[in-house]
Amino acid sequence: LAALDAEIGRLAGLRENLARRAAG
């Protein structure tokens, strides 16, 4: 569960960075 939570956090951060860059 801890490993899954860490991976979810990592993916959420990646998504946020990609969305921010895509929006300029």
PDBML (XML) file of the C-alpha atoms, coordinates in Angstrom:
<?xml version="1.0" encoding="UTF-8" ?>
<PDBx:datablock datablockName="MODEL"
   xmlns:PDBx="http://pdbml.pdb.org/schema/pdbx-v50.xsd"
   xmlns:xsi="http://www.w3.org/2001/XMLSchema-instance"
   xsi:schemaLocation="http://pdbml.pdb.org/schema/pdbx-v50.xsd pdbx-v50.xsd">
   <PDBx:atom_siteCategory>
      <PDBx:atom_site id="1">
         <PDBx:B_iso_or_equiv>0.00</PDBx:B_iso_or_equiv>
         <PDBx:Cartn_x>0.000</PDBx:Cartn_x>
         <PDBx:Cartn_y>0.000</PDBx:Cartn_y>
         <PDBx:Cartn_z>0.000</PDBx:Cartn_z>
         <PDBx:auth_asym_id>A</PDBx:auth_asym_id>
         <PDBx:auth_atom_id>CA</PDBx:auth_atom_id>
         <PDBx:auth_comp_id>LEU</PDBx:auth_comp_id>
         <PDBx:auth_seq_id>1</PDBx:auth_seq_id>
         <PDBx:group_PDB>ATOM</PDBx:group_PDB>
         <PDBx:label_alt_id xsi:nil="true" />
         <PDBx:label_asym_id>A</PDBx:label_asym_id>
         <PDBx:label_atom_id>CA</PDBx:label_atom_id>
         <PDBx:label_comp_id>LEU</PDBx:label_comp_id>
         <PDBx:label_entity_id>1</PDBx:label_entity_id>
         <PDBx:label_seq_id>1</PDBx:label_seq_id>
         <PDBx:occupancy>1.00</PDBx:occupancy>
         <PDBx:pdbx_PDB_model_num>1</PDBx:pdbx_PDB_model_num>
         <PDBx:type_symbol>C</PDBx:type_symbol>
      </PDBx:atom_site>
      <PDBx:atom_site id="2">
         <PDBx:B_iso_or_equiv>0.00</PDBx:B_iso_or_equiv>
         <PDBx:Cartn_x>2.833</PDBx:Cartn_x>
         <PDBx:Cartn_y>2.409</PDBx:Cartn_y>
         <PDBx:Cartn_z>0.818</PDBx:Cartn_z>
         <PDBx:auth_asym_id>A</PDBx:auth_asym_id>
         <PDBx:auth_atom_id>CA</PDBx:auth_atom_id>
         <PDBx:auth_comp_id>ALA</PDBx:auth_comp_id>
         <PDBx:auth_seq_id>2</PDBx:auth_seq_id>
         <PDBx:group_PDB>ATOM</PDBx:group_PDB>
         <PDBx:label_alt_id xsi:nil="true" />
         <PDBx:label_asym_id>A</PDBx:label_asym_id>
         <PDBx:label_atom_id>CA</PDBx:label_atom_id>
         <PDBx:label_comp_id>ALA</PDBx:label_comp_id>
         <PDBx:label_entity_id>1</PDBx:label_entity_id>
         <PDBx:label_seq_id>2</PDBx:label_seq_id>
         <PDBx:occupancy>1.00</PDBx:occupancy>
         <PDBx:pdbx_PDB_model_num>1</PDBx:pdbx_PDB_model_num>
         <PDBx:type_symbol>C</PDBx:type_symbol>
      </PDBx:atom_site>
      <PDBx:atom_site id="3">
         <PDBx:B_iso_or_equiv>0.00</PDBx:B_iso_or_equiv>
         <PDBx:Cartn_x>4.527</PDBx:Cartn_x>
         <PDBx:Cartn_y>1.631</PDBx:Cartn_y>
         <PDBx:Cartn_z>-2.509</PDBx:Cartn_z>
         <PDBx:auth_asym_id>A</PDBx:auth_asym_id>
         <PDBx:auth_atom_id>CA</PDBx:auth_atom_id>
         <PDBx:auth_comp_id>ALA</PDBx:auth_comp_id>
         <PDBx:auth_seq_id>3</PDBx:auth_seq_id>
         <PDBx:group_PDB>ATOM</PDBx:group_PDB>
         <PDBx:label_alt_id xsi:nil="true" />
         <PDBx:label_asym_id>A</PDBx:label_asym_id>
         <PDBx:label_atom_id>CA</PDBx:label_atom_id>
         <PDBx:label_comp_id>ALA</PDBx:label_comp_id>
         <PDBx:label_entity_id>1</PDBx:label_entity_id>
         <PDBx:label_seq_id>3</PDBx:label_seq_id>
         <PDBx:occupancy>1.00</PDBx:occupancy>
         <PDBx:pdbx_PDB_model_num>1</PDBx:pdbx_PDB_model_num>
         <PDBx:type_symbol>C</PDBx:type_symbol>
      </PDBx:atom_site>
      <PDBx:atom_site id="4">
         <PDBx:B_iso_or_equiv>0.00</PDBx:B_iso_or_equiv>
         <PDBx:Cartn_x>1.270</PDBx:Cartn_x>
         <PDBx:Cartn_y>2.199</PDBx:Cartn_y>
         <PDBx:Cartn_z>-4.377</PDBx:Cartn_z>
         <PDBx:auth_asym_id>A</PDBx:auth_asym_id>
         <PDBx:auth_atom_id>CA</PDBx:auth_atom_id>
         <PDBx:auth_comp_id>LEU</PDBx:auth_comp_id>
         <PDBx:auth_seq_id>4</PDBx:auth_seq_id>
         <PDBx:group_PDB>ATOM</PDBx:group_PDB>
         <PDBx:label_alt_id xsi:nil="true" />
         <PDBx:label_asym_id>A</PDBx:label_asym_id>
         <PDBx:label_atom_id>CA</PDBx:label_atom_id>
         <PDBx:label_comp_id>LEU</PDBx:label_comp_id>
         <PDBx:label_entity_id>1</PDBx:label_entity_id>
         <PDBx:label_seq_id>4</PDBx:label_seq_id>
         <PDBx:occupancy>1.00</PDBx:occupancy>
         <PDBx:pdbx_PDB_model_num>1</PDBx:pdbx_PDB_model_num>
         <PDBx:type_symbol>C</PDBx:type_symbol>
      </PDBx:atom_site>
      <PDBx:atom_site id="5">
         <PDBx:B_iso_or_equiv>0.00</PDBx:B_iso_or_equiv>
         <PDBx:Cartn_x>0.697</PDBx:Cartn_x>
         <PDBx:Cartn_y>5.503</PDBx:Cartn_y>
         <PDBx:Cartn_z>-2.556</PDBx:Cartn_z>
         <PDBx:auth_asym_id>A</PDBx:auth_asym_id>
         <PDBx:auth_atom_id>CA</PDBx:auth_atom_id>
         <PDBx:auth_comp_id>ASP</PDBx:auth_comp_id>
         <PDBx:auth_seq_id>5</PDBx:auth_seq_id>
         <PDBx:group_PDB>ATOM</PDBx:group_PDB>
         <PDBx:label_alt_id xsi:nil="true" />
         <PDBx:label_asym_id>A</PDBx:label_asym_id>
         <PDBx:label_atom_id>CA</PDBx:label_atom_id>
         <PDBx:label_comp_id>ASP</PDBx:label_comp_id>
         <PDBx:label_entity_id>1</PDBx:label_entity_id>
         <PDBx:label_seq_id>5</PDBx:label_seq_id>
         <PDBx:occupancy>1.00</PDBx:occupancy>
         <PDBx:pdbx_PDB_model_num>1</PDBx:pdbx_PDB_model_num>
         <PDBx:type_symbol>C</PDBx:type_symbol>
      </PDBx:atom_site>
      <PDBx:atom_site id="6">
         <PDBx:B_iso_or_equiv>0.00</PDBx:B_iso_or_equiv>
         <PDBx:Cartn_x>4.221</PDBx:Cartn_x>
         <PDBx:Cartn_y>6.634</PDBx:Cartn_y>
         <PDBx:Cartn_z>-3.459</PDBx:Cartn_z>
         <PDBx:auth_asym_id>A</PDBx:auth_asym_id>
         <PDBx:auth_atom_id>CA</PDBx:auth_atom_id>
         <PDBx:auth_comp_id>ALA</PDBx:auth_comp_id>
         <PDBx:auth_seq_id>6</PDBx:auth_seq_id>
         <PDBx:group_PDB>ATOM</PDBx:group_PDB>
         <PDBx:label_alt_id xsi:nil="true" />
         <PDBx:label_asym_id>A</PDBx:label_asym_id>
         <PDBx:label_atom_id>CA</PDBx:label_atom_id>
         <PDBx:label_comp_id>ALA</PDBx:label_comp_id>
         <PDBx:label_entity_id>1</PDBx:label_entity_id>
         <PDBx:label_seq_id>6</PDBx:label_seq_id>
         <PDBx:occupancy>1.00</PDBx:occupancy>
         <PDBx:pdbx_PDB_model_num>1</PDBx:pdbx_PDB_model_num>
         <PDBx:type_symbol>C</PDBx:type_symbol>
      </PDBx:atom_site>
      <PDBx:atom_site id="7">
         <PDBx:B_iso_or_equiv>0.00</PDBx:B_iso_or_equiv>
         <PDBx:Cartn_x>3.678</PDBx:Cartn_x>
         <PDBx:Cartn_y>5.725</PDBx:Cartn_y>
         <PDBx:Cartn_z>-7.108</PDBx:Cartn_z>
         <PDBx:auth_asym_id>A</PDBx:auth_asym_id>
         <PDBx:auth_atom_id>CA</PDBx:auth_atom_id>
         <PDBx:auth_comp_id>GLU</PDBx:auth_comp_id>
         <PDBx:auth_seq_id>7</PDBx:auth_seq_id>
         <PDBx:group_PDB>ATOM</PDBx:group_PDB>
         <PDBx:label_alt_id xsi:nil="true" />
         <PDBx:label_asym_id>A</PDBx:label_asym_id>
         <PDBx:label_atom_id>CA</PDBx:label_atom_id>
         <PDBx:label_comp_id>GLU</PDBx:label_comp_id>
         <PDBx:label_entity_id>1</PDBx:label_entity_id>
         <PDBx:label_seq_id>7</PDBx:label_seq_id>
         <PDBx:occupancy>1.00</PDBx:occupancy>
         <PDBx:pdbx_PDB_model_num>1</PDBx:pdbx_PDB_model_num>
         <PDBx:type_symbol>C</PDBx:type_symbol>
      </PDBx:atom_site>
      <PDBx:atom_site id="8">
         <PDBx:B_iso_or_equiv>0.00</PDBx:B_iso_or_equiv>
         <PDBx:Cartn_x>0.331</PDBx:Cartn_x>
         <PDBx:Cartn_y>7.544</PDBx:Cartn_y>
         <PDBx:Cartn_z>-7.171</PDBx:Cartn_z>
         <PDBx:auth_asym_id>A</PDBx:auth_asym_id>
         <PDBx:auth_atom_id>CA</PDBx:auth_atom_id>
         <PDBx:auth_comp_id>ILE</PDBx:auth_comp_id>
         <PDBx:auth_seq_id>8</PDBx:auth_seq_id>
         <PDBx:group_PDB>ATOM</PDBx:group_PDB>
         <PDBx:label_alt_id xsi:nil="true" />
         <PDBx:label_asym_id>A</PDBx:label_asym_id>
         <PDBx:label_atom_id>CA</PDBx:label_atom_id>
         <PDBx:label_comp_id>ILE</PDBx:label_comp_id>
         <PDBx:label_entity_id>1</PDBx:label_entity_id>
         <PDBx:label_seq_id>8</PDBx:label_seq_id>
         <PDBx:occupancy>1.00</PDBx:occupancy>
         <PDBx:pdbx_PDB_model_num>1</PDBx:pdbx_PDB_model_num>
         <PDBx:type_symbol>C</PDBx:type_symbol>
      </PDBx:atom_site>
      <PDBx:atom_site id="9">
         <PDBx:B_iso_or_equiv>0.00</PDBx:B_iso_or_equiv>
         <PDBx:Cartn_x>2.044</PDBx:Cartn_x>
         <PDBx:Cartn_y>10.636</PDBx:Cartn_y>
         <PDBx:Cartn_z>-5.755</PDBx:Cartn_z>
         <PDBx:auth_asym_id>A</PDBx:auth_asym_id>
         <PDBx:auth_atom_id>CA</PDBx:auth_atom_id>
         <PDBx:auth_comp_id>GLY</PDBx:auth_comp_id>
         <PDBx:auth_seq_id>9</PDBx:auth_seq_id>
         <PDBx:group_PDB>ATOM</PDBx:group_PDB>
         <PDBx:label_alt_id xsi:nil="true" />
         <PDBx:label_asym_id>A</PDBx:label_asym_id>
         <PDBx:label_atom_id>CA</PDBx:label_atom_id>
         <PDBx:label_comp_id>GLY</PDBx:label_comp_id>
         <PDBx:label_entity_id>1</PDBx:label_entity_id>
         <PDBx:label_seq_id>9</PDBx:label_seq_id>
         <PDBx:occupancy>1.00</PDBx:occupancy>
         <PDBx:pdbx_PDB_model_num>1</PDBx:pdbx_PDB_model_num>
         <PDBx:type_symbol>C</PDBx:type_symbol>
      </PDBx:atom_site>
      <PDBx:atom_site id="10">
         <PDBx:B_iso_or_equiv>0.00</PDBx:B_iso_or_equiv>
         <PDBx:Cartn_x>4.835</PDBx:Cartn_x>
         <PDBx:Cartn_y>10.406</PDBx:Cartn_y>
         <PDBx:Cartn_z>-8.333</PDBx:Cartn_z>
         <PDBx:auth_asym_id>A</PDBx:auth_asym_id>
         <PDBx:auth_atom_id>CA</PDBx:auth_atom_id>
         <PDBx:auth_comp_id>ARG</PDBx:auth_comp_id>
         <PDBx:auth_seq_id>10</PDBx:auth_seq_id>
         <PDBx:group_PDB>ATOM</PDBx:group_PDB>
         <PDBx:label_alt_id xsi:nil="true" />
         <PDBx:label_asym_id>A</PDBx:label_asym_id>
         <PDBx:label_atom_id>CA</PDBx:label_atom_id>
         <PDBx:label_comp_id>ARG</PDBx:label_comp_id>
         <PDBx:label_entity_id>1</PDBx:label_entity_id>
         <PDBx:label_seq_id>10</PDBx:label_seq_id>
         <PDBx:occupancy>1.00</PDBx:occupancy>
         <PDBx:pdbx_PDB_model_num>1</PDBx:pdbx_PDB_model_num>
         <PDBx:type_symbol>C</PDBx:type_symbol>
      </PDBx:atom_site>
      <PDBx:atom_site id="11">
         <PDBx:B_iso_or_equiv>0.00</PDBx:B_iso_or_equiv>
         <PDBx:Cartn_x>2.364</PDBx:Cartn_x>
         <PDBx:Cartn_y>10.039</PDBx:Cartn_y>
         <PDBx:Cartn_z>-11.208</PDBx:Cartn_z>
         <PDBx:auth_asym_id>A</PDBx:auth_asym_id>
         <PDBx:auth_atom_id>CA</PDBx:auth_atom_id>
         <PDBx:auth_comp_id>LEU</PDBx:auth_comp_id>
         <PDBx:auth_seq_id>11</PDBx:auth_seq_id>
         <PDBx:group_PDB>ATOM</PDBx:group_PDB>
         <PDBx:label_alt_id xsi:nil="true" />
         <PDBx:label_asym_id>A</PDBx:label_asym_id>
         <PDBx:label_atom_id>CA</PDBx:label_atom_id>
         <PDBx:label_comp_id>LEU</PDBx:label_comp_id>
         <PDBx:label_entity_id>1</PDBx:label_entity_id>
         <PDBx:label_seq_id>11</PDBx:label_seq_id>
         <PDBx:occupancy>1.00</PDBx:occupancy>
         <PDBx:pdbx_PDB_model_num>1</PDBx:pdbx_PDB_model_num>
         <PDBx:type_symbol>C</PDBx:type_symbol>
      </PDBx:atom_site>
      <PDBx:atom_site id="12">
         <PDBx:B_iso_or_equiv>0.00</PDBx:B_iso_or_equiv>
         <PDBx:Cartn_x>0.219</PDBx:Cartn_x>
         <PDBx:Cartn_y>12.909</PDBx:Cartn_y>
         <PDBx:Cartn_z>-9.922</PDBx:Cartn_z>
         <PDBx:auth_asym_id>A</PDBx:auth_asym_id>
         <PDBx:auth_atom_id>CA</PDBx:auth_atom_id>
         <PDBx:auth_comp_id>ALA</PDBx:auth_comp_id>
         <PDBx:auth_seq_id>12</PDBx:auth_seq_id>
         <PDBx:group_PDB>ATOM</PDBx:group_PDB>
         <PDBx:label_alt_id xsi:nil="true" />
         <PDBx:label_asym_id>A</PDBx:label_asym_id>
         <PDBx:label_atom_id>CA</PDBx:label_atom_id>
         <PDBx:label_comp_id>ALA</PDBx:label_comp_id>
         <PDBx:label_entity_id>1</PDBx:label_entity_id>
         <PDBx:label_seq_id>12</PDBx:label_seq_id>
         <PDBx:occupancy>1.00</PDBx:occupancy>
         <PDBx:pdbx_PDB_model_num>1</PDBx:pdbx_PDB_model_num>
         <PDBx:type_symbol>C</PDBx:type_symbol>
      </PDBx:atom_site>
      <PDBx:atom_site id="13">
         <PDBx:B_iso_or_equiv>0.00</PDBx:B_iso_or_equiv>
         <PDBx:Cartn_x>3.319</PDBx:Cartn_x>
         <PDBx:Cartn_y>15.119</PDBx:Cartn_y>
         <PDBx:Cartn_z>-9.889</PDBx:Cartn_z>
         <PDBx:auth_asym_id>A</PDBx:auth_asym_id>
         <PDBx:auth_atom_id>CA</PDBx:auth_atom_id>
         <PDBx:auth_comp_id>GLY</PDBx:auth_comp_id>
         <PDBx:auth_seq_id>13</PDBx:auth_seq_id>
         <PDBx:group_PDB>ATOM</PDBx:group_PDB>
         <PDBx:label_alt_id xsi:nil="true" />
         <PDBx:label_asym_id>A</PDBx:label_asym_id>
         <PDBx:label_atom_id>CA</PDBx:label_atom_id>
         <PDBx:label_comp_id>GLY</PDBx:label_comp_id>
         <PDBx:label_entity_id>1</PDBx:label_entity_id>
         <PDBx:label_seq_id>13</PDBx:label_seq_id>
         <PDBx:occupancy>1.00</PDBx:occupancy>
         <PDBx:pdbx_PDB_model_num>1</PDBx:pdbx_PDB_model_num>
         <PDBx:type_symbol>C</PDBx:type_symbol>
      </PDBx:atom_site>
      <PDBx:atom_site id="14">
         <PDBx:B_iso_or_equiv>0.00</PDBx:B_iso_or_equiv>
         <PDBx:Cartn_x>4.223</PDBx:Cartn_x>
         <PDBx:Cartn_y>14.094</PDBx:Cartn_y>
         <PDBx:Cartn_z>-13.440</PDBx:Cartn_z>
         <PDBx:auth_asym_id>A</PDBx:auth_asym_id>
         <PDBx:auth_atom_id>CA</PDBx:auth_atom_id>
         <PDBx:auth_comp_id>LEU</PDBx:auth_comp_id>
         <PDBx:auth_seq_id>14</PDBx:auth_seq_id>
         <PDBx:group_PDB>ATOM</PDBx:group_PDB>
         <PDBx:label_alt_id xsi:nil="true" />
         <PDBx:label_asym_id>A</PDBx:label_asym_id>
         <PDBx:label_atom_id>CA</PDBx:label_atom_id>
         <PDBx:label_comp_id>LEU</PDBx:label_comp_id>
         <PDBx:label_entity_id>1</PDBx:label_entity_id>
         <PDBx:label_seq_id>14</PDBx:label_seq_id>
         <PDBx:occupancy>1.00</PDBx:occupancy>
         <PDBx:pdbx_PDB_model_num>1</PDBx:pdbx_PDB_model_num>
         <PDBx:type_symbol>C</PDBx:type_symbol>
      </PDBx:atom_site>
      <PDBx:atom_site id="15">
         <PDBx:B_iso_or_equiv>0.00</PDBx:B_iso_or_equiv>
         <PDBx:Cartn_x>0.695</PDBx:Cartn_x>
         <PDBx:Cartn_y>14.820</PDBx:Cartn_y>
         <PDBx:Cartn_z>-14.605</PDBx:Cartn_z>
         <PDBx:auth_asym_id>A</PDBx:auth_asym_id>
         <PDBx:auth_atom_id>CA</PDBx:auth_atom_id>
         <PDBx:auth_comp_id>ARG</PDBx:auth_comp_id>
         <PDBx:auth_seq_id>15</PDBx:auth_seq_id>
         <PDBx:group_PDB>ATOM</PDBx:group_PDB>
         <PDBx:label_alt_id xsi:nil="true" />
         <PDBx:label_asym_id>A</PDBx:label_asym_id>
         <PDBx:label_atom_id>CA</PDBx:label_atom_id>
         <PDBx:label_comp_id>ARG</PDBx:label_comp_id>
         <PDBx:label_entity_id>1</PDBx:label_entity_id>
         <PDBx:label_seq_id>15</PDBx:label_seq_id>
         <PDBx:occupancy>1.00</PDBx:occupancy>
         <PDBx:pdbx_PDB_model_num>1</PDBx:pdbx_PDB_model_num>
         <PDBx:type_symbol>C</PDBx:type_symbol>
      </PDBx:atom_site>
      <PDBx:atom_site id="16">
         <PDBx:B_iso_or_equiv>0.00</PDBx:B_iso_or_equiv>
         <PDBx:Cartn_x>0.711</PDBx:Cartn_x>
         <PDBx:Cartn_y>18.226</PDBx:Cartn_y>
         <PDBx:Cartn_z>-12.948</PDBx:Cartn_z>
         <PDBx:auth_asym_id>A</PDBx:auth_asym_id>
         <PDBx:auth_atom_id>CA</PDBx:auth_atom_id>
         <PDBx:auth_comp_id>GLU</PDBx:auth_comp_id>
         <PDBx:auth_seq_id>16</PDBx:auth_seq_id>
         <PDBx:group_PDB>ATOM</PDBx:group_PDB>
         <PDBx:label_alt_id xsi:nil="true" />
         <PDBx:label_asym_id>A</PDBx:label_asym_id>
         <PDBx:label_atom_id>CA</PDBx:label_atom_id>
         <PDBx:label_comp_id>GLU</PDBx:label_comp_id>
         <PDBx:label_entity_id>1</PDBx:label_entity_id>
         <PDBx:label_seq_id>16</PDBx:label_seq_id>
         <PDBx:occupancy>1.00</PDBx:occupancy>
         <PDBx:pdbx_PDB_model_num>1</PDBx:pdbx_PDB_model_num>
         <PDBx:type_symbol>C</PDBx:type_symbol>
      </PDBx:atom_site>
      <PDBx:atom_site id="17">
         <PDBx:B_iso_or_equiv>0.00</PDBx:B_iso_or_equiv>
         <PDBx:Cartn_x>4.054</PDBx:Cartn_x>
         <PDBx:Cartn_y>19.150</PDBx:Cartn_y>
         <PDBx:Cartn_z>-14.549</PDBx:Cartn_z>
         <PDBx:auth_asym_id>A</PDBx:auth_asym_id>
         <PDBx:auth_atom_id>CA</PDBx:auth_atom_id>
         <PDBx:auth_comp_id>ASN</PDBx:auth_comp_id>
         <PDBx:auth_seq_id>17</PDBx:auth_seq_id>
         <PDBx:group_PDB>ATOM</PDBx:group_PDB>
         <PDBx:label_alt_id xsi:nil="true" />
         <PDBx:label_asym_id>A</PDBx:label_asym_id>
         <PDBx:label_atom_id>CA</PDBx:label_atom_id>
         <PDBx:label_comp_id>ASN</PDBx:label_comp_id>
         <PDBx:label_entity_id>1</PDBx:label_entity_id>
         <PDBx:label_seq_id>17</PDBx:label_seq_id>
         <PDBx:occupancy>1.00</PDBx:occupancy>
         <PDBx:pdbx_PDB_model_num>1</PDBx:pdbx_PDB_model_num>
         <PDBx:type_symbol>C</PDBx:type_symbol>
      </PDBx:atom_site>
      <PDBx:atom_site id="18">
         <PDBx:B_iso_or_equiv>0.00</PDBx:B_iso_or_equiv>
         <PDBx:Cartn_x>2.948</PDBx:Cartn_x>
         <PDBx:Cartn_y>17.968</PDBx:Cartn_y>
         <PDBx:Cartn_z>-17.984</PDBx:Cartn_z>
         <PDBx:auth_asym_id>A</PDBx:auth_asym_id>
         <PDBx:auth_atom_id>CA</PDBx:auth_atom_id>
         <PDBx:auth_comp_id>LEU</PDBx:auth_comp_id>
         <PDBx:auth_seq_id>18</PDBx:auth_seq_id>
         <PDBx:group_PDB>ATOM</PDBx:group_PDB>
         <PDBx:label_alt_id xsi:nil="true" />
         <PDBx:label_asym_id>A</PDBx:label_asym_id>
         <PDBx:label_atom_id>CA</PDBx:label_atom_id>
         <PDBx:label_comp_id>LEU</PDBx:label_comp_id>
         <PDBx:label_entity_id>1</PDBx:label_entity_id>
         <PDBx:label_seq_id>18</PDBx:label_seq_id>
         <PDBx:occupancy>1.00</PDBx:occupancy>
         <PDBx:pdbx_PDB_model_num>1</PDBx:pdbx_PDB_model_num>
         <PDBx:type_symbol>C</PDBx:type_symbol>
      </PDBx:atom_site>
      <PDBx:atom_site id="19">
         <PDBx:B_iso_or_equiv>0.00</PDBx:B_iso_or_equiv>
         <PDBx:Cartn_x>-0.377</PDBx:Cartn_x>
         <PDBx:Cartn_y>19.827</PDBx:Cartn_y>
         <PDBx:Cartn_z>-17.749</PDBx:Cartn_z>
         <PDBx:auth_asym_id>A</PDBx:auth_asym_id>
         <PDBx:auth_atom_id>CA</PDBx:auth_atom_id>
         <PDBx:auth_comp_id>ALA</PDBx:auth_comp_id>
         <PDBx:auth_seq_id>19</PDBx:auth_seq_id>
         <PDBx:group_PDB>ATOM</PDBx:group_PDB>
         <PDBx:label_alt_id xsi:nil="true" />
         <PDBx:label_asym_id>A</PDBx:label_asym_id>
         <PDBx:label_atom_id>CA</PDBx:label_atom_id>
         <PDBx:label_comp_id>ALA</PDBx:label_comp_id>
         <PDBx:label_entity_id>1</PDBx:label_entity_id>
         <PDBx:label_seq_id>19</PDBx:label_seq_id>
         <PDBx:occupancy>1.00</PDBx:occupancy>
         <PDBx:pdbx_PDB_model_num>1</PDBx:pdbx_PDB_model_num>
         <PDBx:type_symbol>C</PDBx:type_symbol>
      </PDBx:atom_site>
      <PDBx:atom_site id="20">
         <PDBx:B_iso_or_equiv>0.00</PDBx:B_iso_or_equiv>
         <PDBx:Cartn_x>1.409</PDBx:Cartn_x>
         <PDBx:Cartn_y>22.997</PDBx:Cartn_y>
         <PDBx:Cartn_z>-16.655</PDBx:Cartn_z>
         <PDBx:auth_asym_id>A</PDBx:auth_asym_id>
         <PDBx:auth_atom_id>CA</PDBx:auth_atom_id>
         <PDBx:auth_comp_id>ARG</PDBx:auth_comp_id>
         <PDBx:auth_seq_id>20</PDBx:auth_seq_id>
         <PDBx:group_PDB>ATOM</PDBx:group_PDB>
         <PDBx:label_alt_id xsi:nil="true" />
         <PDBx:label_asym_id>A</PDBx:label_asym_id>
         <PDBx:label_atom_id>CA</PDBx:label_atom_id>
         <PDBx:label_comp_id>ARG</PDBx:label_comp_id>
         <PDBx:label_entity_id>1</PDBx:label_entity_id>
         <PDBx:label_seq_id>20</PDBx:label_seq_id>
         <PDBx:occupancy>1.00</PDBx:occupancy>
         <PDBx:pdbx_PDB_model_num>1</PDBx:pdbx_PDB_model_num>
         <PDBx:type_symbol>C</PDBx:type_symbol>
      </PDBx:atom_site>
      <PDBx:atom_site id="21">
         <PDBx:B_iso_or_equiv>0.00</PDBx:B_iso_or_equiv>
         <PDBx:Cartn_x>3.878</PDBx:Cartn_x>
         <PDBx:Cartn_y>22.782</PDBx:Cartn_y>
         <PDBx:Cartn_z>-19.560</PDBx:Cartn_z>
         <PDBx:auth_asym_id>A</PDBx:auth_asym_id>
         <PDBx:auth_atom_id>CA</PDBx:auth_atom_id>
         <PDBx:auth_comp_id>ARG</PDBx:auth_comp_id>
         <PDBx:auth_seq_id>21</PDBx:auth_seq_id>
         <PDBx:group_PDB>ATOM</PDBx:group_PDB>
         <PDBx:label_alt_id xsi:nil="true" />
         <PDBx:label_asym_id>A</PDBx:label_asym_id>
         <PDBx:label_atom_id>CA</PDBx:label_atom_id>
         <PDBx:label_comp_id>ARG</PDBx:label_comp_id>
         <PDBx:label_entity_id>1</PDBx:label_entity_id>
         <PDBx:label_seq_id>21</PDBx:label_seq_id>
         <PDBx:occupancy>1.00</PDBx:occupancy>
         <PDBx:pdbx_PDB_model_num>1</PDBx:pdbx_PDB_model_num>
         <PDBx:type_symbol>C</PDBx:type_symbol>
      </PDBx:atom_site>
      <PDBx:atom_site id="22">
         <PDBx:B_iso_or_equiv>0.00</PDBx:B_iso_or_equiv>
         <PDBx:Cartn_x>1.116</PDBx:Cartn_x>
         <PDBx:Cartn_y>22.010</PDBx:Cartn_y>
         <PDBx:Cartn_z>-22.040</PDBx:Cartn_z>
         <PDBx:auth_asym_id>A</PDBx:auth_asym_id>
         <PDBx:auth_atom_id>CA</PDBx:auth_atom_id>
         <PDBx:auth_comp_id>ALA</PDBx:auth_comp_id>
         <PDBx:auth_seq_id>22</PDBx:auth_seq_id>
         <PDBx:group_PDB>ATOM</PDBx:group_PDB>
         <PDBx:label_alt_id xsi:nil="true" />
         <PDBx:label_asym_id>A</PDBx:label_asym_id>
         <PDBx:label_atom_id>CA</PDBx:label_atom_id>
         <PDBx:label_comp_id>ALA</PDBx:label_comp_id>
         <PDBx:label_entity_id>1</PDBx:label_entity_id>
         <PDBx:label_seq_id>22</PDBx:label_seq_id>
         <PDBx:occupancy>1.00</PDBx:occupancy>
         <PDBx:pdbx_PDB_model_num>1</PDBx:pdbx_PDB_model_num>
         <PDBx:type_symbol>C</PDBx:type_symbol>
      </PDBx:atom_site>
      <PDBx:atom_site id="23">
         <PDBx:B_iso_or_equiv>0.00</PDBx:B_iso_or_equiv>
         <PDBx:Cartn_x>-0.728</PDBx:Cartn_x>
         <PDBx:Cartn_y>25.127</PDBx:Cartn_y>
         <PDBx:Cartn_z>-20.872</PDBx:Cartn_z>
         <PDBx:auth_asym_id>A</PDBx:auth_asym_id>
         <PDBx:auth_atom_id>CA</PDBx:auth_atom_id>
         <PDBx:auth_comp_id>ALA</PDBx:auth_comp_id>
         <PDBx:auth_seq_id>23</PDBx:auth_seq_id>
         <PDBx:group_PDB>ATOM</PDBx:group_PDB>
         <PDBx:label_alt_id xsi:nil="true" />
         <PDBx:label_asym_id>A</PDBx:label_asym_id>
         <PDBx:label_atom_id>CA</PDBx:label_atom_id>
         <PDBx:label_comp_id>ALA</PDBx:label_comp_id>
         <PDBx:label_entity_id>1</PDBx:label_entity_id>
         <PDBx:label_seq_id>23</PDBx:label_seq_id>
         <PDBx:occupancy>1.00</PDBx:occupancy>
         <PDBx:pdbx_PDB_model_num>1</PDBx:pdbx_PDB_model_num>
         <PDBx:type_symbol>C</PDBx:type_symbol>
      </PDBx:atom_site>
      <PDBx:atom_site id="24">
         <PDBx:B_iso_or_equiv>0.00</PDBx:B_iso_or_equiv>
         <PDBx:Cartn_x>2.397</PDBx:Cartn_x>
         <PDBx:Cartn_y>27.199</PDBx:Cartn_y>
         <PDBx:Cartn_z>-21.484</PDBx:Cartn_z>
         <PDBx:auth_asym_id>A</PDBx:auth_asym_id>
         <PDBx:auth_atom_id>CA</PDBx:auth_atom_id>
         <PDBx:auth_comp_id>GLY</PDBx:auth_comp_id>
         <PDBx:auth_seq_id>24</PDBx:auth_seq_id>
         <PDBx:group_PDB>ATOM</PDBx:group_PDB>
         <PDBx:label_alt_id xsi:nil="true" />
         <PDBx:label_asym_id>A</PDBx:label_asym_id>
         <PDBx:label_atom_id>CA</PDBx:label_atom_id>
         <PDBx:label_comp_id>GLY</PDBx:label_comp_id>
         <PDBx:label_entity_id>1</PDBx:label_entity_id>
         <PDBx:label_seq_id>24</PDBx:label_seq_id>
         <PDBx:occupancy>1.00</PDBx:occupancy>
         <PDBx:pdbx_PDB_model_num>1</PDBx:pdbx_PDB_model_num>
         <PDBx:type_symbol>C</PDBx:type_symbol>
      </PDBx:atom_site>
   </PDBx:atom_siteCategory>
</PDBx:datablock>
